[in-house]
Amino acid sequence: MDNNKYLSDIFEGTLSGQPLDEILHLAKLISPTVDLSLLENVHKDLTAIFTGLHPGFQKNTLPYHNLRHSQMVVLATVRLFHGLHCNNVPISEDTLIKGLLSAYFHDTGMLLLESDPAQSEGEYIPNHEARSVLFLKGYCAGKGISQDIPKDAATIIDYTNLKRDPATFTRHNSDIQIAGQVVGSADILAQMADRYYLECLPLLYNEQKAGGISQHTSALELMEHTATFYYTVVLKRVLITFSNTSSALQTHFRERYTVNRNLYIENINKNIRYLKKIIAQCDDINCLDSYLKRTPPTI
């Protein structure tokens, strides 16, 4: 088997089926008594929510923060929990469920409801985290799931907000801190390690512009600043703010596939190196088309 194809299938969670299969498998390894039917139902319901098939929600039209992104964050989350588990860090069933549900719902606050007063999802991008928690709370109430989950998920989801410093959060226990560091790390790494990340950066610019939060004048400018953003913001958050929790990913890949490598960090470094190369060659957005040829998949 081609080694690059093998590693790509591992990373995408498709080596043994679909990402859901891997999510359920790892959850069972971490906590043998975990309710797999709950996780499977949440996975399917989230798909319905993003595709407009769930009562009350319109179909998502955001090209960057879409269903695939959410599922990849969940996969990275359960992998991180598994790596920590293999490193003998206690991960309770309660912590696992709270972390995974937070990952599933962390971006739902951007979505439009039926008869929503907003004209587009972009209007909800700023401060969408609080709205995500409200949707998770409503979902749990409708499914008879403990309301302790959305209460702690409010803190966990806040870890995904790059503008928030966890040191300023309301006091919470170490289990929720670990879950927050895991989901916060997974949200960043799943995006930047994606093999379609560079192709998706213009889509991210369009989203940010629609939401009125773009700090750049063009997609090309955003791409020019991405490497600096990674070195000055992302690494500091992942390594220091989140206590380098993401290093457990190497343990996961070693124990799960005997691949003693952190594929997320490797993929990010590849993306950043290639991005620097093409930015040095291009002075307009059209030039990028000759370098970025992958078509991001949709679900």
C-alpha atoms as a PDB file:
ATOM      1  CA  MET A   1       0.000   0.000   0.000  1.00  0.00           C
ATOM      2  CA  ASP A   2       1.193   3.512  -0.814  1.00  0.00           C
ATOM      3  CA  ASN A   3       2.453   4.963   2.451  1.00  0.00           C
ATOM      4  CA  ASN A   4       1.085   8.454   1.769  1.00  0.00           C
ATOM      5  CA  LYS A   5      -2.346   7.005   0.975  1.00  0.00           C
ATOM      6  CA  TYR A   6      -2.189   4.877   4.124  1.00  0.00           C
ATOM      7  CA  LEU A   7      -1.339   7.849   6.321  1.00  0.00           C
ATOM      8  CA  SER A   8      -3.997   9.966   4.607  1.00  0.00           C
ATOM      9  CA  ASP A   9      -6.657   7.320   5.265  1.00  0.00           C
ATOM     10  CA  ILE A  10      -5.553   7.099   8.886  1.00  0.00           C
ATOM     11  CA  PHE A  11      -5.720  10.848   9.303  1.00  0.00           C
ATOM     12  CA  GLU A  12      -9.153  11.123   7.690  1.00  0.00           C
ATOM     13  CA  GLY A  13     -10.478   8.330   9.916  1.00  0.00           C
ATOM     14  CA  THR A  14     -11.478   6.274   6.895  1.00  0.00           C
ATOM     15  CA  LEU A  15      -9.020   3.380   7.148  1.00  0.00           C
ATOM     16  CA  SER A  16     -11.606   1.125   8.805  1.00  0.00           C
ATOM     17  CA  GLY A  17     -14.798   2.717   7.509  1.00  0.00           C
ATOM     18  CA  GLN A  18     -16.194   6.171   8.244  1.00  0.00           C
ATOM     19  CA  PRO A  19     -15.069   8.702  10.890  1.00  0.00           C
ATOM     20  CA  LEU A  20     -18.084   7.732  13.027  1.00  0.00           C
ATOM     21  CA  ASP A  21     -16.787   4.155  13.205  1.00  0.00           C
ATOM     22  CA  GLU A  22     -13.449   5.407  14.505  1.00  0.00           C
ATOM     23  CA  ILE A  23     -15.087   7.832  16.939  1.00  0.00           C
ATOM     24  CA  LEU A  24     -17.176   5.040  18.454  1.00  0.00           C
ATOM     25  CA  HIS A  25     -14.242   2.613  18.529  1.00  0.00           C
ATOM     26  CA  LEU A  26     -11.980   5.033  20.389  1.00  0.00           C
ATOM     27  CA  ALA A  27     -14.731   6.086  22.785  1.00  0.00           C
ATOM     28  CA  LYS A  28     -15.181   2.422  23.712  1.00  0.00           C
ATOM     29  CA  LEU A  29     -11.448   1.995  24.286  1.00  0.00           C
ATOM     30  CA  ILE A  30     -11.391   4.999  26.594  1.00  0.00           C
ATOM     31  CA  SER A  31     -14.556   4.119  28.511  1.00  0.00           C
ATOM     32  CA  PRO A  32     -15.899   0.565  27.999  1.00  0.00           C
ATOM     33  CA  THR A  33     -19.276   1.514  29.511  1.00  0.00           C
ATOM     34  CA  VAL A  34     -19.820   4.649  27.399  1.00  0.00           C
ATOM     35  CA  ASP A  35     -23.240   4.924  25.757  1.00  0.00           C
ATOM     36  CA  LEU A  36     -22.316   4.435  22.105  1.00  0.00           C
ATOM     37  CA  SER A  37     -25.926   4.780  20.982  1.00  0.00           C
ATOM     38  CA  LEU A  38     -25.986   8.289  22.443  1.00  0.00           C
ATOM     39  CA  LEU A  39     -22.883   9.282  20.485  1.00  0.00           C
ATOM     40  CA  GLU A  40     -24.188   7.675  17.306  1.00  0.00           C
ATOM     41  CA  ASN A  41     -27.494   9.535  17.630  1.00  0.00           C
ATOM     42  CA  VAL A  42     -25.737  12.852  18.279  1.00  0.00           C
ATOM     43  CA  HIS A  43     -23.568  12.282  15.206  1.00  0.00           C
ATOM     44  CA  LYS A  44     -26.608  11.610  13.037  1.00  0.00           C
ATOM     45  CA  ASP A  45     -28.595  14.484  14.533  1.00  0.00           C
ATOM     46  CA  LEU A  46     -25.752  16.920  13.924  1.00  0.00           C
ATOM     47  CA  THR A  47     -25.711  15.819  10.293  1.00  0.00           C
ATOM     48  CA  ALA A  48     -29.439  16.544  10.121  1.00  0.00           C
ATOM     49  CA  ILE A  49     -28.955  19.942  11.776  1.00  0.00           C
ATOM     50  CA  PHE A  50     -26.285  21.040   9.290  1.00  0.00           C
ATOM     51  CA  THR A  51     -28.143  19.705   6.263  1.00  0.00           C
ATOM     52  CA  GLY A  52     -31.456  21.347   7.198  1.00  0.00           C
ATOM     53  CA  LEU A  53     -33.223  18.066   7.907  1.00  0.00           C
ATOM     54  CA  HIS A  54     -33.578  18.652  11.649  1.00  0.00           C
ATOM     55  CA  PRO A  55     -36.717  20.498  12.812  1.00  0.00           C
ATOM     56  CA  GLY A  56     -36.066  24.165  13.445  1.00  0.00           C
ATOM     57  CA  PHE A  57     -32.832  24.557  11.478  1.00  0.00           C
ATOM     58  CA  GLN A  58     -32.074  25.855   8.013  1.00  0.00           C
ATOM     59  CA  LYS A  59     -29.458  24.129   5.873  1.00  0.00           C
ATOM     60  CA  ASN A  60     -25.956  25.419   6.536  1.00  0.00           C
ATOM     61  CA  THR A  61     -24.390  27.344   3.653  1.00  0.00           C
ATOM     62  CA  LEU A  62     -21.085  28.286   5.292  1.00  0.00           C
ATOM     63  CA  PRO A  63     -18.305  26.849   3.124  1.00  0.00           C
ATOM     64  CA  TYR A  64     -15.606  26.741   5.832  1.00  0.00           C
ATOM     65  CA  HIS A  65     -17.343  26.093   9.148  1.00  0.00           C
ATOM     66  CA  ASN A  66     -19.417  23.279   7.741  1.00  0.00           C
ATOM     67  CA  LEU A  67     -20.457  19.765   8.758  1.00  0.00           C
ATOM     68  CA  ARG A  68     -17.155  18.228   7.702  1.00  0.00           C
ATOM     69  CA  HIS A  69     -15.241  20.658   9.897  1.00  0.00           C
ATOM     70  CA  SER A  70     -17.369  19.774  12.917  1.00  0.00           C
ATOM     71  CA  GLN A  71     -16.921  16.041  12.338  1.00  0.00           C
ATOM     72  CA  MET A  72     -13.151  16.418  11.943  1.00  0.00           C
ATOM     73  CA  VAL A  73     -13.005  18.343  15.220  1.00  0.00           C
ATOM     74  CA  VAL A  74     -14.909  15.529  16.945  1.00  0.00           C
ATOM     75  CA  LEU A  75     -12.483  12.970  15.496  1.00  0.00           C
ATOM     76  CA  ALA A  76      -9.476  14.992  16.692  1.00  0.00           C
ATOM     77  CA  THR A  77     -11.149  15.361  20.099  1.00  0.00           C
ATOM     78  CA  VAL A  78     -11.655  11.636  20.664  1.00  0.00           C
ATOM     79  CA  ARG A  79      -8.120  10.952  19.408  1.00  0.00           C
ATOM     80  CA  LEU A  80      -6.718  13.380  21.942  1.00  0.00           C
ATOM     81  CA  PHE A  81      -8.767  11.817  24.730  1.00  0.00           C
ATOM     82  CA  HIS A  82      -7.486   8.400  23.624  1.00  0.00           C
ATOM     83  CA  GLY A  83      -3.883   9.595  23.644  1.00  0.00           C
ATOM     84  CA  LEU A  84      -4.311  11.006  27.138  1.00  0.00           C
ATOM     85  CA  HIS A  85      -5.953   7.745  28.244  1.00  0.00           C
ATOM     86  CA  CYS A  86      -2.956   5.794  26.910  1.00  0.00           C
ATOM     87  CA  ASN A  87      -0.697   8.211  28.815  1.00  0.00           C
ATOM     88  CA  ASN A  88      -2.531   7.162  32.003  1.00  0.00           C
ATOM     89  CA  VAL A  89      -4.435  10.440  32.346  1.00  0.00           C
ATOM     90  CA  PRO A  90      -7.834   9.496  33.855  1.00  0.00           C
ATOM     91  CA  ILE A  91     -10.678  10.288  31.434  1.00  0.00           C
ATOM     92  CA  SER A  92     -14.053   9.562  33.001  1.00  0.00           C
ATOM     93  CA  GLU A  93     -17.096   8.641  30.941  1.00  0.00           C
ATOM     94  CA  ASP A  94     -18.708  11.901  32.057  1.00  0.00           C
ATOM     95  CA  THR A  95     -15.724  13.967  30.860  1.00  0.00           C
ATOM     96  CA  LEU A  96     -15.596  12.065  27.568  1.00  0.00           C
ATOM     97  CA  ILE A  97     -19.297  12.652  26.833  1.00  0.00           C
ATOM     98  CA  LYS A  98     -19.141  16.344  27.771  1.00  0.00           C
ATOM     99  CA  GLY A  99     -16.067  16.847  25.610  1.00  0.00           C
ATOM    100  CA  LEU A 100     -17.498  15.077  22.575  1.00  0.00           C
ATOM    101  CA  LEU A 101     -20.885  16.811  22.741  1.00  0.00           C
ATOM    102  CA  SER A 102     -19.090  20.142  23.067  1.00  0.00           C
ATOM    103  CA  ALA A 103     -17.045  19.314  19.974  1.00  0.00           C
ATOM    104  CA  TYR A 104     -20.143  18.300  18.020  1.00  0.00           C
ATOM    105  CA  PHE A 105     -22.027  21.502  18.873  1.00  0.00           C
ATOM    106  CA  HIS A 106     -19.177  24.041  19.132  1.00  0.00           C
ATOM    107  CA  ASP A 107     -20.022  25.820  15.847  1.00  0.00           C
ATOM    108  CA  THR A 108     -23.786  25.277  15.666  1.00  0.00           C
ATOM    109  CA  GLY A 109     -24.293  28.812  16.947  1.00  0.00           C
ATOM    110  CA  MET A 110     -23.495  30.049  13.437  1.00  0.00           C
ATOM    111  CA  LEU A 111     -26.496  28.279  11.946  1.00  0.00           C
ATOM    112  CA  LEU A 112     -29.802  29.865  11.026  1.00  0.00           C
ATOM    113  CA  LEU A 113     -33.083  28.776  12.532  1.00  0.00           C
ATOM    114  CA  GLU A 114     -36.307  28.575  10.561  1.00  0.00           C
ATOM    115  CA  SER A 115     -37.769  32.085  10.262  1.00  0.00           C
ATOM    116  CA  ASP A 116     -34.481  33.450  11.595  1.00  0.00           C
ATOM    117  CA  PRO A 117     -34.297  37.272  11.686  1.00  0.00           C
ATOM    118  CA  ALA A 118     -30.688  37.165  10.428  1.00  0.00           C
ATOM    119  CA  GLN A 119     -30.082  37.247   6.687  1.00  0.00           C
ATOM    120  CA  SER A 120     -27.050  34.948   6.770  1.00  0.00           C
ATOM    121  CA  GLU A 121     -25.003  32.745   9.079  1.00  0.00           C
ATOM    122  CA  GLY A 122     -22.236  35.312   8.900  1.00  0.00           C
ATOM    123  CA  GLU A 123     -24.149  37.561  11.263  1.00  0.00           C
ATOM    124  CA  TYR A 124     -23.777  34.965  14.016  1.00  0.00           C
ATOM    125  CA  ILE A 125     -20.061  34.252  13.596  1.00  0.00           C
ATOM    126  CA  PRO A 126     -19.012  36.836  16.206  1.00  0.00           C
ATOM    127  CA  ASN A 127     -19.629  35.359  19.660  1.00  0.00           C
ATOM    128  CA  HIS A 128     -21.309  32.263  18.211  1.00  0.00           C
ATOM    129  CA  GLU A 129     -20.036  30.174  21.114  1.00  0.00           C
ATOM    130  CA  ALA A 130     -22.784  31.299  23.514  1.00  0.00           C
ATOM    131  CA  ARG A 131     -25.445  30.502  20.919  1.00  0.00           C
ATOM    132  CA  SER A 132     -23.895  27.049  20.405  1.00  0.00           C
ATOM    133  CA  VAL A 133     -24.320  26.363  24.109  1.00  0.00           C
ATOM    134  CA  LEU A 134     -27.990  27.382  23.924  1.00  0.00           C
ATOM    135  CA  PHE A 135     -28.560  24.951  21.056  1.00  0.00           C
ATOM    136  CA  LEU A 136     -26.811  22.167  22.965  1.00  0.00           C
ATOM    137  CA  LYS A 137     -28.920  22.941  26.023  1.00  0.00           C
ATOM    138  CA  GLY A 138     -32.111  22.719  23.970  1.00  0.00           C
ATOM    139  CA  TYR A 139     -30.930  19.501  22.328  1.00  0.00           C
ATOM    140  CA  CYS A 140     -30.149  17.859  25.679  1.00  0.00           C
ATOM    141  CA  ALA A 141     -33.509  18.903  27.095  1.00  0.00           C
ATOM    142  CA  GLY A 142     -35.311  17.420  24.088  1.00  0.00           C
ATOM    143  CA  LYS A 143     -33.413  14.133  24.381  1.00  0.00           C
ATOM    144  CA  GLY A 144     -33.662  13.816  28.152  1.00  0.00           C
ATOM    145  CA  ILE A 145     -29.894  14.207  28.546  1.00  0.00           C
ATOM    146  CA  SER A 146     -28.530  15.536  31.841  1.00  0.00           C
ATOM    147  CA  GLN A 147     -28.453  19.332  32.001  1.00  0.00           C
ATOM    148  CA  ASP A 148     -25.034  19.074  33.642  1.00  0.00           C
ATOM    149  CA  ILE A 149     -23.662  18.559  30.138  1.00  0.00           C
ATOM    150  CA  PRO A 150     -24.562  21.965  28.631  1.00  0.00           C
ATOM    151  CA  LYS A 151     -23.600  23.651  31.906  1.00  0.00           C
ATOM    152  CA  ASP A 152     -20.029  22.377  31.667  1.00  0.00           C
ATOM    153  CA  ALA A 153     -20.059  22.549  27.853  1.00  0.00           C
ATOM    154  CA  ALA A 154     -20.391  26.328  28.152  1.00  0.00           C
ATOM    155  CA  THR A 155     -16.909  26.355  29.664  1.00  0.00           C
ATOM    156  CA  ILE A 156     -15.493  23.723  27.303  1.00  0.00           C
ATOM    157  CA  ILE A 157     -16.754  25.495  24.179  1.00  0.00           C
ATOM    158  CA  ASP A 158     -15.285  28.772  25.447  1.00  0.00           C
ATOM    159  CA  TYR A 159     -11.854  27.149  25.065  1.00  0.00           C
ATOM    160  CA  THR A 160     -12.419  27.259  21.278  1.00  0.00           C
ATOM    161  CA  ASN A 161     -12.719  31.058  21.360  1.00  0.00           C
ATOM    162  CA  LEU A 162      -9.294  32.423  20.412  1.00  0.00           C
ATOM    163  CA  LYS A 163     -10.141  35.726  22.071  1.00  0.00           C
ATOM    164  CA  ARG A 164     -10.761  34.142  25.470  1.00  0.00           C
ATOM    165  CA  ASP A 165      -8.100  33.330  28.064  1.00  0.00           C
ATOM    166  CA  PRO A 166      -9.075  30.250  30.129  1.00  0.00           C
ATOM    167  CA  ALA A 167      -7.353  31.840  33.117  1.00  0.00           C
ATOM    168  CA  THR A 168     -10.246  34.324  33.256  1.00  0.00           C
ATOM    169  CA  PHE A 169     -12.995  31.683  33.129  1.00  0.00           C
ATOM    170  CA  THR A 170     -15.313  30.953  36.013  1.00  0.00           C
ATOM    171  CA  ARG A 171     -13.662  28.445  38.324  1.00  0.00           C
ATOM    172  CA  HIS A 172     -14.005  24.867  37.017  1.00  0.00           C
ATOM    173  CA  ASN A 173     -12.536  21.506  37.960  1.00  0.00           C
ATOM    174  CA  SER A 174      -9.543  19.788  36.368  1.00  0.00           C
ATOM    175  CA  ASP A 175     -11.684  17.370  34.339  1.00  0.00           C
ATOM    176  CA  ILE A 176     -13.439  20.243  32.582  1.00  0.00           C
ATOM    177  CA  GLN A 177     -10.099  21.987  32.132  1.00  0.00           C
ATOM    178  CA  ILE A 178      -8.714  18.902  30.370  1.00  0.00           C
ATOM    179  CA  ALA A 179     -11.835  18.618  28.215  1.00  0.00           C
ATOM    180  CA  GLY A 180     -11.557  22.303  27.310  1.00  0.00           C
ATOM    181  CA  GLN A 181      -7.888  21.988  26.405  1.00  0.00           C
ATOM    182  CA  VAL A 182      -8.672  18.918  24.318  1.00  0.00           C
ATOM    183  CA  VAL A 183     -11.567  20.480  22.370  1.00  0.00           C
ATOM    184  CA  GLY A 184      -9.757  23.813  22.021  1.00  0.00           C
ATOM    185  CA  SER A 185      -6.682  22.051  20.629  1.00  0.00           C
ATOM    186  CA  ALA A 186      -8.770  19.799  18.370  1.00  0.00           C
ATOM    187  CA  ASP A 187     -10.607  22.785  16.857  1.00  0.00           C
ATOM    188  CA  ILE A 188      -7.341  24.451  15.866  1.00  0.00           C
ATOM    189  CA  LEU A 189      -5.434  21.362  14.738  1.00  0.00           C
ATOM    190  CA  ALA A 190      -8.282  19.788  12.754  1.00  0.00           C
ATOM    191  CA  GLN A 191      -8.510  22.955  10.670  1.00  0.00           C
ATOM    192  CA  MET A 192      -4.861  23.678  10.032  1.00  0.00           C
ATOM    193  CA  ALA A 193      -3.827  20.046   9.488  1.00  0.00           C
ATOM    194  CA  ASP A 194      -6.550  19.377   6.941  1.00  0.00           C
ATOM    195  CA  ARG A 195      -5.188  18.491   3.493  1.00  0.00           C
ATOM    196  CA  TYR A 196      -7.642  21.037   2.026  1.00  0.00           C
ATOM    197  CA  TYR A 197      -6.746  23.803   4.491  1.00  0.00           C
ATOM    198  CA  LEU A 198      -4.995  26.047   1.968  1.00  0.00           C
ATOM    199  CA  GLU A 199      -7.815  25.728  -0.553  1.00  0.00           C
ATOM    200  CA  CYS A 200     -10.261  26.639   2.211  1.00  0.00           C
ATOM    201  CA  LEU A 201      -8.527  29.841   3.329  1.00  0.00           C
ATOM    202  CA  PRO A 202     -10.306  32.013   0.709  1.00  0.00           C
ATOM    203  CA  LEU A 203     -13.576  30.497   1.976  1.00  0.00           C
ATOM    204  CA  LEU A 204     -12.616  31.468   5.514  1.00  0.00           C
ATOM    205  CA  TYR A 205     -11.925  35.012   4.357  1.00  0.00           C
ATOM    206  CA  ASN A 206     -15.376  35.220   2.763  1.00  0.00           C
ATOM    207  CA  GLU A 207     -16.996  34.006   5.985  1.00  0.00           C
ATOM    208  CA  GLN A 208     -15.082  36.497   8.119  1.00  0.00           C
ATOM    209  CA  LYS A 209     -15.925  39.329   5.737  1.00  0.00           C
ATOM    210  CA  ALA A 210     -19.628  38.417   5.842  1.00  0.00           C
ATOM    211  CA  GLY A 211     -19.468  38.342   9.634  1.00  0.00           C
ATOM    212  CA  GLY A 212     -17.752  41.720   9.807  1.00  0.00           C
ATOM    213  CA  ILE A 213     -14.759  40.273  11.645  1.00  0.00           C
ATOM    214  CA  SER A 214     -12.146  40.098   8.898  1.00  0.00           C
ATOM    215  CA  GLN A 215      -8.895  41.861   9.714  1.00  0.00           C
ATOM    216  CA  HIS A 216      -7.691  41.526   6.121  1.00  0.00           C
ATOM    217  CA  THR A 217      -8.478  43.355   2.904  1.00  0.00           C
ATOM    218  CA  SER A 218      -8.393  40.258   0.729  1.00  0.00           C
ATOM    219  CA  ALA A 219      -8.124  36.473   0.803  1.00  0.00           C
ATOM    220  CA  LEU A 220      -4.552  36.754  -0.413  1.00  0.00           C
ATOM    221  CA  GLU A 221      -3.651  39.021   2.496  1.00  0.00           C
ATOM    222  CA  LEU A 222      -5.177  36.529   4.939  1.00  0.00           C
ATOM    223  CA  MET A 223      -3.063  33.790   3.367  1.00  0.00           C
ATOM    224  CA  GLU A 224       0.054  35.958   3.548  1.00  0.00           C
ATOM    225  CA  HIS A 225      -0.498  36.409   7.287  1.00  0.00           C
ATOM    226  CA  THR A 226      -1.426  32.785   8.057  1.00  0.00           C
ATOM    227  CA  ALA A 227       2.114  31.585   8.792  1.00  0.00           C
ATOM    228  CA  THR A 228       2.676  34.465  11.209  1.00  0.00           C
ATOM    229  CA  PHE A 229      -0.683  33.729  12.826  1.00  0.00           C
ATOM    230  CA  TYR A 230       0.381  30.114  13.315  1.00  0.00           C
ATOM    231  CA  TYR A 231       3.749  30.950  14.874  1.00  0.00           C
ATOM    232  CA  THR A 232       2.612  33.827  17.097  1.00  0.00           C
ATOM    233  CA  VAL A 233      -0.951  32.846  18.085  1.00  0.00           C
ATOM    234  CA  VAL A 234      -1.672  29.194  17.412  1.00  0.00           C
ATOM    235  CA  LEU A 235       1.516  27.667  18.794  1.00  0.00           C
ATOM    236  CA  LYS A 236       1.322  29.801  21.927  1.00  0.00           C
ATOM    237  CA  ARG A 237      -2.260  28.699  22.535  1.00  0.00           C
ATOM    238  CA  VAL A 238      -1.669  25.021  21.781  1.00  0.00           C
ATOM    239  CA  LEU A 239       1.656  24.671  23.604  1.00  0.00           C
ATOM    240  CA  ILE A 240       1.270  27.082  26.523  1.00  0.00           C
ATOM    241  CA  THR A 241      -2.386  27.994  27.088  1.00  0.00           C
ATOM    242  CA  PHE A 242      -3.475  24.375  26.514  1.00  0.00           C
ATOM    243  CA  SER A 243      -0.416  22.887  28.280  1.00  0.00           C
ATOM    244  CA  ASN A 244       0.734  21.030  25.148  1.00  0.00           C
ATOM    245  CA  THR A 245      -2.161  18.607  25.551  1.00  0.00           C
ATOM    246  CA  SER A 246      -1.970  18.000  21.801  1.00  0.00           C
ATOM    247  CA  SER A 247       1.286  16.055  22.219  1.00  0.00           C
ATOM    248  CA  ALA A 248      -0.928  13.118  23.251  1.00  0.00           C
ATOM    249  CA  LEU A 249      -1.854  12.748  19.582  1.00  0.00           C
ATOM    250  CA  GLN A 250       1.489  11.070  18.948  1.00  0.00           C
ATOM    251  CA  THR A 251       0.654   8.528  21.642  1.00  0.00           C
ATOM    252  CA  HIS A 252      -2.714   7.933  19.991  1.00  0.00           C
ATOM    253  CA  PHE A 253      -1.248   7.227  16.554  1.00  0.00           C
ATOM    254  CA  ARG A 254       1.449   5.007  18.065  1.00  0.00           C
ATOM    255  CA  GLU A 255      -0.978   2.931  20.125  1.00  0.00           C
ATOM    256  CA  ARG A 256      -3.742   2.803  17.494  1.00  0.00           C
ATOM    257  CA  TYR A 257      -1.711   2.315  14.308  1.00  0.00           C
ATOM    258  CA  THR A 258       1.928   1.784  15.439  1.00  0.00           C
ATOM    259  CA  VAL A 259       2.703   5.080  13.704  1.00  0.00           C
ATOM    260  CA  ASN A 260       4.857   6.930  16.230  1.00  0.00           C
ATOM    261  CA  ARG A 261       4.174  10.385  14.795  1.00  0.00           C
ATOM    262  CA  ASN A 262       1.894  13.344  15.450  1.00  0.00           C
ATOM    263  CA  LEU A 263       0.241  13.465  12.039  1.00  0.00           C
ATOM    264  CA  TYR A 264      -1.599  16.691  12.876  1.00  0.00           C
ATOM    265  CA  ILE A 265       1.548  18.693  13.578  1.00  0.00           C
ATOM    266  CA  GLU A 266       3.299  17.117  10.589  1.00  0.00           C
ATOM    267  CA  ASN A 267       0.432  18.073   8.276  1.00  0.00           C
ATOM    268  CA  ILE A 268       0.317  21.626   9.620  1.00  0.00           C
ATOM    269  CA  ASN A 269       4.032  22.043   9.007  1.00  0.00           C
ATOM    270  CA  LYS A 270       3.594  20.745   5.444  1.00  0.00           C
ATOM    271  CA  ASN A 271       0.735  23.194   4.862  1.00  0.00           C
ATOM    272  CA  ILE A 272       2.700  26.148   6.220  1.00  0.00           C
ATOM    273  CA  ARG A 273       5.802  25.280   4.167  1.00  0.00           C
ATOM    274  CA  TYR A 274       3.785  25.002   0.965  1.00  0.00           C
ATOM    275  CA  LEU A 275       1.851  28.170   1.769  1.00  0.00           C
ATOM    276  CA  LYS A 276       5.110  30.109   2.162  1.00  0.00           C
ATOM    277  CA  LYS A 277       6.312  28.724  -1.162  1.00  0.00           C
ATOM    278  CA  ILE A 278       3.261  29.770  -3.148  1.00  0.00           C
ATOM    279  CA  ILE A 279       2.918  33.166  -1.469  1.00  0.00           C
ATOM    280  CA  ALA A 280       6.502  33.890  -2.553  1.00  0.00           C
ATOM    281  CA  GLN A 281       5.468  33.121  -6.152  1.00  0.00           C
ATOM    282  CA  CYS A 282       2.083  34.891  -6.286  1.00  0.00           C
ATOM    283  CA  ASP A 283       1.094  38.527  -6.125  1.00  0.00           C
ATOM    284  CA  ASP A 284      -2.609  38.061  -6.904  1.00  0.00           C
ATOM    285  CA  ILE A 285      -5.320  35.591  -5.939  1.00  0.00           C
ATOM    286  CA  ASN A 286      -5.705  34.189  -9.458  1.00  0.00           C
ATOM    287  CA  CYS A 287      -2.118  32.969  -9.411  1.00  0.00           C
ATOM    288  CA  LEU A 288      -2.969  30.626  -6.549  1.00  0.00           C
ATOM    289  CA  ASP A 289      -5.174  28.512  -8.801  1.00  0.00           C
ATOM    290  CA  SER A 290      -2.120  26.955 -10.413  1.00  0.00           C
ATOM    291  CA  TYR A 291      -0.847  25.800  -7.020  1.00  0.00           C
ATOM    292  CA  LEU A 292      -4.036  24.910  -5.132  1.00  0.00           C
ATOM    293  CA  LYS A 293      -5.841  22.270  -7.136  1.00  0.00           C
ATOM    294  CA  ARG A 294      -7.643  20.195  -4.508  1.00  0.00           C
ATOM    295  CA  THR A 295     -11.412  20.481  -4.245  1.00  0.00           C
ATOM    296  CA  PRO A 296     -12.568  20.416  -0.602  1.00  0.00           C
ATOM    297  CA  PRO A 297     -15.109  17.618  -0.119  1.00  0.00           C
ATOM    298  CA  THR A 298     -18.637  18.318   1.017  1.00  0.00           C
ATOM    299  CA  ILE A 299     -20.883  16.133   3.156  1.00  0.00           C
END
